[in-house]
Protein backbone atom coordinates (compact mmCIF):
# COMPACT_ATOMS: atom_id res chain seq x y z
CA MET A 1 32.28 13.74 -10.19
CA ASN A 2 30.13 14.78 -7.02
CA ASP A 3 30.22 12.87 -3.58
CA VAL A 4 26.66 11.71 -3.31
CA ALA A 5 26.82 12.71 0.33
CA THR A 6 27.32 16.41 -0.65
CA LEU A 7 24.21 16.36 -3.02
CA PRO A 8 20.76 17.57 -2.33
CA PRO A 9 18.49 15.01 -1.48
CA PHE A 10 15.60 13.63 -2.72
CA VAL A 11 12.86 13.72 0.20
CA LEU A 12 10.02 11.30 0.27
CA THR A 13 7.45 11.50 2.42
CA ALA A 14 4.50 8.93 3.30
CA GLY A 15 2.10 7.49 5.93
CA GLY A 16 3.12 4.77 8.10
CA THR A 17 1.19 1.98 6.30
CA GLY A 18 2.06 -0.39 3.60
CA GLY A 19 -0.15 1.14 1.00
CA HIS A 20 1.74 4.36 1.12
CA LEU A 21 5.16 3.24 2.06
CA PHE A 22 5.57 0.46 -0.47
CA PRO A 23 5.44 2.55 -3.52
CA ALA A 24 7.73 5.09 -1.78
CA GLN A 25 10.18 2.10 -1.26
CA ALA A 26 9.73 1.14 -4.78
CA LEU A 27 11.07 4.72 -6.14
CA ALA A 28 13.57 4.92 -3.53
CA GLU A 29 15.45 1.82 -4.81
CA ARG A 30 15.36 3.38 -8.38
CA LEU A 31 16.78 6.60 -7.11
CA LYS A 32 19.40 4.84 -5.10
CA ALA A 33 20.52 2.75 -8.05
CA ARG A 34 21.03 5.94 -9.82
CA GLY A 35 23.16 7.42 -7.47
CA HIS A 36 21.01 9.78 -5.67
CA ARG A 37 20.82 10.65 -1.80
CA LEU A 38 17.47 10.17 0.05
CA ALA A 39 15.85 10.99 3.03
CA LEU A 40 12.44 9.90 4.31
CA ILE A 41 9.87 11.68 6.36
CA THR A 42 6.81 9.77 7.98
CA ASP A 43 5.24 9.12 11.31
CA ARG A 44 5.99 6.65 14.19
CA ARG A 45 4.06 3.86 12.36
CA GLY A 46 6.58 3.80 9.42
CA ASP A 47 9.18 2.54 12.11
CA ALA A 48 7.45 -1.00 11.45
CA TYR A 49 8.82 -0.85 7.84
CA GLY A 50 12.47 0.09 8.74
CA GLU A 51 14.13 -2.58 7.11
CA SER A 52 12.44 -1.52 3.62
CA PHE A 53 14.38 1.63 3.94
CA ALA A 54 17.73 0.40 5.39
CA GLY A 55 20.46 2.89 4.63
CA ILE A 56 17.90 5.86 4.08
CA ASP A 57 17.84 8.76 6.38
CA THR A 58 14.66 8.60 8.21
CA HIS A 59 12.98 11.29 10.12
CA PHE A 60 9.68 10.94 12.39
CA ILE A 61 7.38 13.86 12.63
CA GLN A 62 3.88 14.52 14.35
CA ALA A 63 0.65 13.61 12.19
CA ALA A 64 -2.80 12.57 12.58
CA GLY A 65 -5.98 12.08 10.49
CA VAL A 66 -8.86 14.60 10.70
CA SER A 67 -11.45 12.92 8.95
CA GLY A 68 -14.11 10.84 10.71
CA ARG A 69 -13.11 12.12 14.08
CA GLY A 70 -15.35 13.93 16.78
CA PRO A 71 -14.60 17.55 17.38
CA ALA A 72 -12.20 17.14 20.26
CA ALA A 73 -10.27 14.53 18.36
CA LYS A 74 -10.21 16.78 15.43
CA ILE A 75 -8.69 19.51 17.57
CA VAL A 76 -5.83 17.17 18.82
CA ALA A 77 -5.28 16.08 15.17
CA LEU A 78 -4.93 19.51 14.03
CA PHE A 79 -2.55 20.45 16.70
CA ARG A 80 -0.31 17.52 15.75
CA LEU A 81 -0.25 18.51 12.22
CA GLY A 82 0.81 21.82 13.09
CA ILE A 83 3.47 20.53 15.07
CA GLY A 84 4.47 18.46 12.13
CA PHE A 85 4.67 21.32 10.05
CA PHE A 86 7.29 23.14 12.17
CA GLN A 87 9.25 19.62 12.35
CA ALA A 88 9.07 19.11 8.84
CA ARG A 89 10.15 22.71 7.96
CA ARG A 90 13.00 22.70 10.16
CA LEU A 91 14.20 19.32 8.49
CA LEU A 92 13.76 20.58 5.05
CA ARG A 93 15.35 23.92 5.74
CA GLU A 94 18.30 21.77 7.10
CA MET A 95 18.47 19.22 3.96
CA ARG A 96 17.42 21.80 1.00
CA PRO A 97 16.06 18.85 -1.10
CA ASP A 98 16.01 19.07 -4.87
CA VAL A 99 12.40 17.79 -4.56
CA VAL A 100 9.98 16.74 -2.05
CA VAL A 101 7.86 13.36 -3.25
CA GLY A 102 4.77 12.54 -1.26
CA PHE A 103 3.03 9.54 -1.56
CA GLY A 104 -0.09 10.24 0.71
CA GLY A 105 -0.96 9.64 4.49
CA TYR A 106 -1.02 12.07 7.30
CA PRO A 107 2.57 13.00 7.36
CA THR A 108 2.47 14.34 3.84
CA ILE A 109 0.32 17.14 4.76
CA PRO A 110 2.65 18.95 6.96
CA THR A 111 5.65 18.01 5.04
CA LEU A 112 4.53 19.17 1.53
CA LEU A 113 2.65 22.36 2.98
CA ALA A 114 6.28 23.05 4.47
CA ALA A 115 7.84 22.39 1.11
CA ALA A 116 5.28 25.08 -0.49
CA HIS A 117 6.12 27.24 2.24
CA LEU A 118 9.90 27.07 1.53
CA LYS A 119 9.10 27.42 -2.20
CA LEU A 120 10.79 23.67 -2.92
CA LYS A 121 9.49 21.70 -5.86
CA SER A 122 7.36 19.03 -4.91
CA VAL A 123 5.38 16.01 -6.19
CA ILE A 124 2.29 14.28 -4.91
CA HIS A 125 1.73 10.69 -6.25
CA GLU A 126 -1.95 9.40 -5.84
CA GLN A 127 -2.13 5.58 -5.74
CA ASN A 128 -5.77 5.28 -5.74
CA ALA A 129 -8.42 5.90 -8.40
CA VAL A 130 -9.90 8.47 -6.26
CA LEU A 131 -7.97 11.82 -5.25
CA GLY A 132 -7.25 11.18 -1.50
CA ARG A 133 -8.22 13.62 1.27
CA ALA A 134 -4.53 14.81 1.96
CA ASN A 135 -3.76 15.13 -1.75
CA ARG A 136 -6.75 17.10 -2.46
CA ILE A 137 -5.35 19.63 0.02
CA LEU A 138 -1.82 19.38 -1.45
CA ALA A 139 -2.58 19.26 -5.29
CA PRO A 140 -2.84 22.93 -5.56
CA ARG A 141 0.55 23.49 -4.04
CA ALA A 142 2.31 20.82 -5.80
CA THR A 143 4.82 21.24 -8.51
CA ARG A 144 3.72 17.93 -10.34
CA ILE A 145 0.91 15.51 -9.60
CA ALA A 146 1.58 11.81 -10.68
CA THR A 147 -1.37 9.30 -10.83
CA ALA A 148 -1.41 5.60 -10.85
CA PHE A 149 -4.64 5.37 -12.89
CA LYS A 150 -5.48 7.29 -16.14
CA THR A 151 -8.39 8.77 -14.73
CA THR A 152 -8.53 9.98 -11.07
CA ALA A 153 -11.65 11.20 -9.68
CA PHE A 154 -11.81 14.63 -7.91
CA LEU A 155 -8.87 16.03 -9.52
CA ARG A 156 -9.59 19.61 -10.14
CA ASP A 157 -9.57 20.72 -13.55
CA SER A 158 -7.24 23.49 -12.53
CA ASP A 159 -4.76 20.75 -11.44
CA MET A 160 -5.17 18.56 -14.69
CA ALA A 161 -2.59 20.37 -16.50
CA LYS A 162 0.35 19.44 -14.16
CA ALA A 163 -0.71 15.80 -13.74
CA ILE A 164 0.63 13.04 -15.34
CA TRP A 165 -0.08 9.24 -15.42
CA THR A 166 2.82 7.23 -14.04
CA GLY A 167 1.25 4.17 -12.84
CA ASN A 168 1.91 2.87 -9.38
CA PRO A 169 5.75 1.82 -8.50
CA VAL A 170 5.99 -1.57 -7.12
CA ARG A 171 9.01 -3.19 -5.41
CA PRO A 172 11.66 -4.78 -7.20
CA GLU A 173 10.96 -8.14 -5.39
CA ILE A 174 7.25 -7.84 -6.92
CA ARG A 175 8.45 -6.86 -10.44
CA ASP A 176 10.49 -9.92 -10.52
CA ILE A 177 7.68 -12.14 -10.26
CA ARG A 178 6.41 -11.79 -13.68
CA ASP A 179 9.59 -13.25 -14.85
CA LYS A 180 9.03 -16.41 -12.97
CA PRO A 181 6.86 -19.37 -14.44
CA PHE A 182 3.64 -19.89 -12.89
CA PRO A 183 3.67 -22.37 -10.04
CA ALA A 184 3.43 -26.15 -11.43
CA PHE A 185 -0.46 -27.08 -11.18
CA GLY A 186 -1.44 -30.66 -11.84
CA ALA A 187 -4.36 -33.07 -10.84
CA ASP A 188 -2.41 -34.55 -7.94
CA GLN A 189 -0.32 -31.24 -6.74
CA PRO A 190 -0.91 -28.72 -3.99
CA ILE A 191 -3.34 -25.95 -4.48
CA GLN A 192 -1.51 -22.82 -2.98
CA ILE A 193 -3.72 -20.03 -1.80
CA LEU A 194 -2.71 -17.03 -0.47
CA VAL A 195 -5.11 -14.67 1.64
CA THR A 196 -4.08 -11.34 2.56
CA GLY A 197 -6.24 -8.47 3.79
CA GLY A 198 -3.59 -5.92 4.08
CA SER A 199 -1.10 -5.00 6.74
CA GLN A 200 -3.74 -5.75 9.42
CA GLY A 201 -5.24 -8.52 7.89
CA ALA A 202 -9.10 -8.50 7.40
CA THR A 203 -11.66 -9.96 9.79
CA VAL A 204 -14.35 -11.10 7.21
CA PHE A 205 -11.57 -13.33 5.51
CA ALA A 206 -11.33 -14.96 8.93
CA GLY A 207 -14.73 -16.36 8.83
CA VAL A 208 -15.77 -16.60 5.03
CA VAL A 209 -12.33 -18.20 3.63
CA PRO A 210 -12.01 -21.25 6.05
CA ALA A 211 -16.03 -21.83 5.59
CA ALA A 212 -15.80 -21.41 1.70
CA LEU A 213 -12.73 -24.31 1.63
CA SER A 214 -14.18 -26.47 3.93
CA ALA A 215 -17.33 -26.78 1.46
CA LEU A 216 -14.95 -28.38 -1.03
CA PRO A 217 -14.98 -32.02 -1.74
CA GLU A 218 -12.71 -33.83 0.69
CA ALA A 219 -10.28 -35.01 -2.07
CA MET A 220 -9.92 -31.16 -2.91
CA ARG A 221 -9.69 -30.35 0.79
CA ARG A 222 -6.77 -32.37 1.03
CA ARG A 223 -4.59 -30.57 -1.83
CA VAL A 224 -5.31 -27.01 -0.45
CA LYS A 225 -2.41 -25.23 1.24
CA VAL A 226 -3.33 -22.07 2.55
CA THR A 227 -1.37 -19.03 3.53
CA GLN A 228 -3.59 -16.59 5.35
CA GLN A 229 -2.76 -13.25 7.28
CA CYS A 230 -5.15 -12.89 10.13
CA ARG A 231 -5.54 -10.37 13.00
CA PRO A 232 -4.04 -12.05 15.89
CA GLU A 233 -7.36 -12.29 17.64
CA ASP A 234 -8.71 -14.22 14.83
CA ILE A 235 -5.77 -16.72 14.50
CA ASP A 236 -6.97 -19.43 17.02
CA SER A 237 -10.30 -19.66 15.71
CA VAL A 238 -9.11 -19.72 11.89
CA ARG A 239 -6.64 -22.56 12.88
CA ALA A 240 -9.47 -24.54 14.51
CA ALA A 241 -11.56 -24.36 11.47
CA TYR A 242 -8.95 -25.40 9.11
CA ASP A 243 -7.80 -28.24 11.39
CA SER A 244 -11.31 -29.51 11.79
CA ASN A 245 -11.59 -30.17 7.88
CA GLY A 246 -8.21 -31.52 7.26
CA ILE A 247 -7.01 -28.26 5.57
CA GLU A 248 -3.05 -27.39 6.00
CA ALA A 249 -2.65 -23.62 6.71
CA ILE A 250 0.08 -21.25 7.72
CA LEU A 251 -1.34 -18.42 9.72
CA GLU A 252 0.35 -15.11 10.57
CA SER A 253 -0.60 -11.46 11.72
CA PHE A 254 1.96 -10.24 9.01
CA PHE A 255 4.25 -11.82 6.53
CA ASP A 256 7.57 -9.85 5.68
CA ASP A 257 8.27 -12.13 2.71
CA LEU A 258 4.91 -11.66 0.96
CA PRO A 259 6.60 -11.28 -2.57
CA GLN A 260 8.00 -14.88 -2.18
CA ARG A 261 4.53 -15.91 -1.07
CA ILE A 262 2.74 -14.20 -3.86
CA ALA A 263 5.27 -15.84 -6.41
CA ALA A 264 4.33 -19.33 -5.06
CA ALA A 265 0.51 -18.84 -5.05
CA HIS A 266 -1.98 -20.37 -7.50
CA LEU A 267 -4.76 -17.90 -6.34
CA VAL A 268 -4.60 -14.87 -4.14
CA ILE A 269 -7.75 -13.59 -2.23
CA CYS A 270 -7.37 -10.06 -0.98
CA ARG A 271 -8.88 -6.59 -0.50
CA ALA A 272 -8.33 -4.21 -3.32
CA GLY A 273 -5.97 -1.75 -1.84
CA GLN A 274 -3.71 0.42 -3.97
CA SER A 275 -0.35 -1.47 -3.33
CA THR A 276 -2.31 -4.84 -3.87
CA THR A 277 -3.76 -3.62 -7.04
CA ALA A 278 -0.62 -2.79 -8.66
CA GLU A 279 1.24 -5.51 -7.36
CA LEU A 280 -1.11 -8.26 -8.68
CA THR A 281 -1.59 -6.21 -12.06
CA SER A 282 2.47 -6.41 -12.26
CA ASP A 283 2.87 -10.16 -11.26
CA GLY A 284 -0.41 -11.18 -13.22
CA ARG A 285 -1.47 -13.78 -10.28
CA PRO A 286 -5.23 -14.52 -10.41
CA ALA A 287 -7.05 -13.04 -7.69
CA ILE A 288 -10.52 -12.88 -5.89
CA THR A 289 -10.61 -9.38 -4.59
CA VAL A 290 -13.26 -8.36 -1.98
CA PRO A 291 -13.07 -4.50 -1.88
CA TYR A 292 -13.59 -2.81 1.57
CA THR A 293 -16.31 -0.72 0.91
CA GLN A 294 -15.89 1.46 3.90
CA ALA A 295 -12.82 2.78 2.73
CA ILE A 296 -12.83 6.62 2.22
CA ASP A 297 -14.90 7.27 -1.25
CA ASP A 298 -15.28 3.66 -1.72
CA HIS A 299 -11.99 3.67 -3.77
CA GLN A 300 -11.23 0.00 -3.46
CA THR A 301 -14.27 -0.82 -5.88
CA ALA A 302 -12.72 1.18 -8.43
CA HIS A 303 -9.51 -0.58 -7.78
CA ALA A 304 -11.18 -3.90 -8.19
CA ALA A 305 -12.93 -3.11 -11.33
CA SER A 306 -9.41 -1.86 -12.94
CA LEU A 307 -7.60 -5.13 -11.84
CA CYS A 308 -10.52 -7.58 -13.33
CA ALA A 309 -10.23 -5.53 -16.38
CA HIS A 310 -6.42 -6.37 -16.83
CA VAL A 311 -5.69 -9.47 -15.33
CA ARG A 312 -7.50 -12.84 -14.32
CA ALA A 313 -9.25 -11.51 -11.35
CA TRP A 314 -12.80 -11.55 -9.93
CA LYS A 315 -14.45 -9.09 -7.89
CA LEU A 316 -16.87 -10.40 -4.87
CA PRO A 317 -18.75 -7.62 -3.27
CA ASN A 318 -18.10 -7.27 0.50
CA ARG A 319 -21.77 -7.90 1.47
CA ALA A 320 -21.57 -11.25 -0.52
CA ALA A 321 -18.41 -12.11 1.58
CA GLN A 322 -20.10 -11.68 4.88
């Protein structure tokens, strides 16, 4: 039997946000369970998710986004991506992986380009219903393209032959929720509401949700228990709004136990990012989604529509929530 330490690794690469890193984590857990050796290439933002990749060799490279920046910032971003390419090429030469799997985000561009330069097998995974800007660059150079949705916009005809619909990987602790009973719900029991707006919260929820819940009859307000993710600068005002209306609330800028909080919720109020959509589809919790329409190519609106078609979810336009 081969020693795992001597096997060529699978290299995963993803941008330093939960939307990219959570699917990478889900694949990492499955590959580790099968005895494979792993490595992760990300940017410094990924350091915040270090516990999710405990025991996996993690490497940080230079990367930056180009879209939506001014001329000077674009030059700086391209320079950092160039540095990242040489950093990734050096790492891949040393590791000689079996395959490089990219989950989107800035660090995937130099890493997958380096893999193509070294003629390594590569896979890109697109979590969105719309092919991301980075993956549009990488798709012609990838060996395979995995998609979260059956139909993915902006996927070229020339790349369709190597595309396969896999769905979006979800973390084991999210998969486990679907096997748990829905929280008890009776006339005199608390109503547990979870509000999450992504890894940085969503300011729109800071104003809208407290105002909406405060409009409920007093007897119902007393039953509501809110767990809400807020931006740090919004926490005090949101807490004051709930306190003035007698609504019990737990407010944090980040929850590292979000799967457990989803499992305890009767209703989730959220954006419609790729990981959120996949996780709610997996665990089946009722949800009110408010797509972030300023996202590139408005992909969250497409996610929300898909979510509403598969689980008990309702889509509220962002303008209606403001």
